[in-house]
Structures are given as structure tokens and as C-alpha cells.
Amino acid sequence: MQLEHHVDARELVPPNVGAPAFFRLSDVIRITALSRATVYRRIAEGKFPPPIHIGVRTCRWPRAALQQWIEDPESYSSTPLSPKP
């Protein structure tokens, strides 16, 4: 008997539902269950995706960046790793 490998991955939106390309802060708070202060604190620490500024007073979070954080929030880093010499 062969056991199948089970992957327990959460997705922002099921694949058959149209999802927005960017999410508002209220959506990010609802999706992640983090408070506004925690979201911004983790952004400052490099542990949460930073928003994209799309206007003078408007910013949104890209779906791909949020999905990456959801898949592995503990090891997420928004700072790129520098190549070793």
C-alpha cells in the first residue's frame, strides 16, 4: 500500500474564484488575522511584505507577496538574500 503525499497549503482565494491583483489594508488584516500595528511592525522588521504605493495616499499589497507570506510566515523575509562571494 502506498501513501499519498498530502500538502496542506492555504491559498488566498480558491483558484476558480477571480481574485484581485492587490489587496487593501482591511483585506490584509482580515486574511492574516494581524492587527494594523502588527502588520506595519512586521513590515519594518522585514517579516511581512511591504505595500506598493499606487497613489499619494493609497497603497496595496500584491497577491503574490501575500501568498508567499501565507505559505511560510515564520521564515518570510522581505529583504533579498545577498549572494555569497
N, C-alpha and C. Protein backbone atom coordinates (compact mmCIF):
# COMPACT_ATOMS: atom_id res chain seq x y z
N MET A 1 0.84 -1.18 0.00
CA MET A 1 0.00 0.00 0.00
C MET A 1 0.88 1.24 0.00
N GLN A 2 0.59 2.18 -0.87
CA GLN A 2 1.37 3.40 -0.98
C GLN A 2 0.57 4.58 -0.45
N LEU A 3 1.21 5.36 0.41
CA LEU A 3 0.56 6.54 0.97
C LEU A 3 0.80 7.72 0.06
N GLU A 4 -0.21 8.53 -0.12
CA GLU A 4 -0.07 9.72 -0.94
C GLU A 4 0.45 10.86 -0.08
N HIS A 5 1.27 11.68 -0.69
CA HIS A 5 1.80 12.85 0.00
C HIS A 5 0.72 13.92 0.04
N HIS A 6 0.43 14.41 1.24
CA HIS A 6 -0.60 15.42 1.41
C HIS A 6 0.05 16.78 1.64
N VAL A 7 -0.32 17.74 0.86
CA VAL A 7 0.20 19.10 1.02
C VAL A 7 -0.90 19.96 1.62
N ASP A 8 -0.58 20.57 2.75
CA ASP A 8 -1.55 21.43 3.43
C ASP A 8 -1.17 22.88 3.17
N ALA A 9 -1.58 23.40 2.03
CA ALA A 9 -1.26 24.78 1.67
C ALA A 9 -2.53 25.62 1.65
N ARG A 10 -2.45 26.79 2.26
CA ARG A 10 -3.58 27.71 2.24
C ARG A 10 -3.40 28.65 1.07
N GLU A 11 -4.49 28.96 0.42
CA GLU A 11 -4.44 29.93 -0.66
C GLU A 11 -5.33 31.11 -0.29
N LEU A 12 -4.94 32.29 -0.77
CA LEU A 12 -5.73 33.49 -0.51
C LEU A 12 -7.15 33.33 -1.02
N VAL A 13 -7.27 32.89 -2.25
CA VAL A 13 -8.56 32.75 -2.90
C VAL A 13 -8.53 31.44 -3.68
N PRO A 14 -9.58 30.63 -3.61
CA PRO A 14 -9.59 29.39 -4.40
C PRO A 14 -9.34 29.70 -5.87
N PRO A 15 -8.69 28.77 -6.59
CA PRO A 15 -8.32 29.05 -7.98
C PRO A 15 -9.49 29.33 -8.92
N ASN A 16 -10.68 28.85 -8.61
CA ASN A 16 -11.81 29.06 -9.51
C ASN A 16 -12.54 30.38 -9.27
N VAL A 17 -12.08 31.17 -8.31
CA VAL A 17 -12.70 32.45 -7.98
C VAL A 17 -11.76 33.57 -8.43
N GLY A 18 -12.30 34.58 -9.10
CA GLY A 18 -11.47 35.71 -9.52
C GLY A 18 -10.95 36.46 -8.31
N ALA A 19 -9.66 36.65 -8.26
CA ALA A 19 -9.06 37.33 -7.12
C ALA A 19 -8.45 38.65 -7.56
N PRO A 20 -8.48 39.64 -6.70
CA PRO A 20 -7.86 40.91 -7.07
C PRO A 20 -6.34 40.77 -7.12
N ALA A 21 -5.70 41.60 -7.91
CA ALA A 21 -4.25 41.57 -8.01
C ALA A 21 -3.61 42.22 -6.78
N PHE A 22 -4.34 43.14 -6.16
CA PHE A 22 -3.83 43.84 -4.98
C PHE A 22 -4.90 43.85 -3.90
N PHE A 23 -4.46 43.85 -2.64
CA PHE A 23 -5.38 43.85 -1.51
C PHE A 23 -5.22 45.12 -0.68
N ARG A 24 -6.33 45.63 -0.16
CA ARG A 24 -6.33 46.78 0.74
C ARG A 24 -5.89 46.34 2.13
N LEU A 25 -5.54 47.31 2.98
CA LEU A 25 -5.12 47.01 4.34
C LEU A 25 -6.23 46.25 5.08
N SER A 26 -7.48 46.65 4.91
CA SER A 26 -8.57 45.95 5.60
C SER A 26 -8.64 44.49 5.18
N ASP A 27 -8.36 44.20 3.91
CA ASP A 27 -8.33 42.81 3.45
C ASP A 27 -7.15 42.06 4.06
N VAL A 28 -5.99 42.71 4.11
CA VAL A 28 -4.79 42.09 4.68
C VAL A 28 -5.03 41.73 6.14
N ILE A 29 -5.66 42.63 6.88
CA ILE A 29 -5.96 42.38 8.29
C ILE A 29 -6.92 41.20 8.42
N ARG A 30 -7.93 41.16 7.58
CA ARG A 30 -8.90 40.05 7.62
C ARG A 30 -8.25 38.73 7.24
N ILE A 31 -7.43 38.72 6.19
CA ILE A 31 -6.81 37.50 5.70
C ILE A 31 -5.77 36.95 6.67
N THR A 32 -4.96 37.83 7.23
CA THR A 32 -3.85 37.39 8.08
C THR A 32 -4.19 37.30 9.56
N ALA A 33 -5.27 37.93 9.98
CA ALA A 33 -5.66 37.99 11.39
C ALA A 33 -4.62 38.76 12.22
N LEU A 34 -3.88 39.65 11.57
CA LEU A 34 -2.94 40.51 12.27
C LEU A 34 -3.58 41.88 12.44
N SER A 35 -3.19 42.59 13.49
CA SER A 35 -3.69 43.95 13.66
C SER A 35 -2.92 44.89 12.74
N ARG A 36 -3.45 46.09 12.58
CA ARG A 36 -2.79 47.10 11.73
C ARG A 36 -1.38 47.38 12.25
N ALA A 37 -1.26 47.54 13.56
CA ALA A 37 0.04 47.84 14.16
C ALA A 37 1.03 46.69 13.93
N THR A 38 0.55 45.47 14.05
CA THR A 38 1.42 44.31 13.84
C THR A 38 1.87 44.20 12.39
N VAL A 39 0.96 44.47 11.46
CA VAL A 39 1.33 44.45 10.04
C VAL A 39 2.47 45.43 9.79
N TYR A 40 2.33 46.66 10.24
CA TYR A 40 3.36 47.67 9.99
C TYR A 40 4.64 47.40 10.78
N ARG A 41 4.53 46.84 11.97
CA ARG A 41 5.72 46.48 12.74
C ARG A 41 6.51 45.39 12.03
N ARG A 42 5.79 44.38 11.51
CA ARG A 42 6.47 43.29 10.78
C ARG A 42 7.07 43.78 9.46
N ILE A 43 6.42 44.74 8.82
CA ILE A 43 7.00 45.33 7.61
C ILE A 43 8.33 45.98 7.96
N ALA A 44 8.36 46.75 9.05
CA ALA A 44 9.59 47.43 9.47
C ALA A 44 10.69 46.43 9.82
N GLU A 45 10.31 45.27 10.34
CA GLU A 45 11.28 44.23 10.69
C GLU A 45 11.68 43.38 9.49
N GLY A 46 11.01 43.56 8.35
CA GLY A 46 11.30 42.77 7.17
C GLY A 46 10.64 41.40 7.21
N LYS A 47 9.61 41.23 8.06
CA LYS A 47 8.96 39.94 8.23
C LYS A 47 7.56 39.89 7.62
N PHE A 48 7.23 40.90 6.82
CA PHE A 48 5.92 40.93 6.15
C PHE A 48 6.10 41.72 4.86
N PRO A 49 5.38 41.36 3.80
CA PRO A 49 5.54 42.07 2.53
C PRO A 49 5.16 43.55 2.65
N PRO A 50 5.99 44.42 2.12
CA PRO A 50 5.65 45.84 2.14
C PRO A 50 4.59 46.15 1.07
N PRO A 51 3.80 47.19 1.30
CA PRO A 51 2.79 47.55 0.30
C PRO A 51 3.43 48.26 -0.89
N ILE A 52 2.68 48.27 -1.98
CA ILE A 52 3.06 49.01 -3.18
C ILE A 52 2.26 50.31 -3.17
N HIS A 53 2.93 51.43 -3.27
CA HIS A 53 2.23 52.71 -3.28
C HIS A 53 1.72 52.99 -4.69
N ILE A 54 0.40 53.10 -4.82
CA ILE A 54 -0.20 53.31 -6.15
C ILE A 54 -0.80 54.70 -6.29
N GLY A 55 -0.60 55.51 -5.29
CA GLY A 55 -1.10 56.88 -5.32
C GLY A 55 -0.49 57.65 -4.17
N VAL A 56 -0.87 58.91 -4.04
CA VAL A 56 -0.33 59.75 -2.98
C VAL A 56 -0.67 59.19 -1.60
N ARG A 57 -1.92 58.77 -1.43
CA ARG A 57 -2.36 58.25 -0.13
C ARG A 57 -2.92 56.83 -0.24
N THR A 58 -2.51 56.11 -1.26
CA THR A 58 -3.06 54.79 -1.49
C THR A 58 -1.95 53.76 -1.64
N CYS A 59 -2.07 52.68 -0.90
CA CYS A 59 -1.13 51.57 -1.06
C CYS A 59 -1.90 50.26 -1.02
N ARG A 60 -1.34 49.26 -1.67
CA ARG A 60 -1.98 47.94 -1.75
C ARG A 60 -0.89 46.88 -1.64
N TRP A 61 -1.30 45.67 -1.23
CA TRP A 61 -0.40 44.54 -1.13
C TRP A 61 -0.61 43.61 -2.32
N PRO A 62 0.46 43.26 -3.03
CA PRO A 62 0.33 42.34 -4.16
C PRO A 62 -0.08 40.94 -3.69
N ARG A 63 -0.96 40.32 -4.45
CA ARG A 63 -1.46 38.98 -4.11
C ARG A 63 -0.31 37.98 -3.98
N ALA A 64 0.65 38.02 -4.90
CA ALA A 64 1.75 37.05 -4.87
C ALA A 64 2.59 37.18 -3.60
N ALA A 65 2.83 38.41 -3.16
CA ALA A 65 3.62 38.62 -1.94
C ALA A 65 2.87 38.11 -0.71
N LEU A 66 1.58 38.37 -0.64
CA LEU A 66 0.79 37.86 0.49
C LEU A 66 0.74 36.34 0.48
N GLN A 67 0.60 35.75 -0.70
CA GLN A 67 0.56 34.30 -0.80
C GLN A 67 1.87 33.69 -0.32
N GLN A 68 2.98 34.32 -0.67
CA GLN A 68 4.29 33.84 -0.22
C GLN A 68 4.37 33.89 1.31
N TRP A 69 3.88 34.96 1.92
CA TRP A 69 3.89 35.07 3.38
C TRP A 69 2.99 34.02 4.01
N ILE A 70 1.81 33.79 3.43
CA ILE A 70 0.87 32.82 3.98
C ILE A 70 1.45 31.41 3.95
N GLU A 71 2.18 31.10 2.89
CA GLU A 71 2.76 29.76 2.77
C GLU A 71 3.80 29.47 3.83
N ASP A 72 4.55 30.47 4.27
CA ASP A 72 5.58 30.27 5.29
C ASP A 72 5.85 31.56 6.05
N PRO A 73 4.95 31.93 6.96
CA PRO A 73 5.10 33.21 7.66
C PRO A 73 6.32 33.28 8.58
N GLU A 74 6.75 32.16 9.14
CA GLU A 74 7.86 32.17 10.08
C GLU A 74 9.20 32.46 9.41
N SER A 75 9.40 31.98 8.20
CA SER A 75 10.70 32.19 7.57
C SER A 75 10.64 33.25 6.46
N TYR A 76 9.53 33.98 6.36
CA TYR A 76 9.41 35.03 5.34
C TYR A 76 10.41 36.14 5.62
N SER A 77 11.03 36.63 4.57
CA SER A 77 11.92 37.78 4.68
C SER A 77 11.73 38.64 3.44
N SER A 78 11.44 39.91 3.64
CA SER A 78 11.23 40.80 2.50
C SER A 78 12.55 41.37 2.00
N THR A 79 13.64 41.10 2.71
CA THR A 79 14.94 41.57 2.26
C THR A 79 15.57 40.48 1.40
N PRO A 80 16.03 40.81 0.21
CA PRO A 80 16.65 39.80 -0.64
C PRO A 80 17.96 39.32 -0.05
N LEU A 81 18.22 38.04 -0.22
CA LEU A 81 19.47 37.47 0.28
C LEU A 81 20.60 37.86 -0.66
N SER A 82 21.68 38.32 -0.08
CA SER A 82 22.81 38.71 -0.92
C SER A 82 23.62 37.46 -1.28
N PRO A 83 24.09 37.40 -2.51
CA PRO A 83 24.87 36.23 -2.91
C PRO A 83 26.21 36.21 -2.17
N LYS A 84 26.66 35.00 -1.86
CA LYS A 84 27.93 34.85 -1.17
C LYS A 84 29.07 34.97 -2.18
N PRO A 85 30.15 35.65 -1.76
CA PRO A 85 31.28 35.82 -2.69
C PRO A 85 32.04 34.54 -2.92
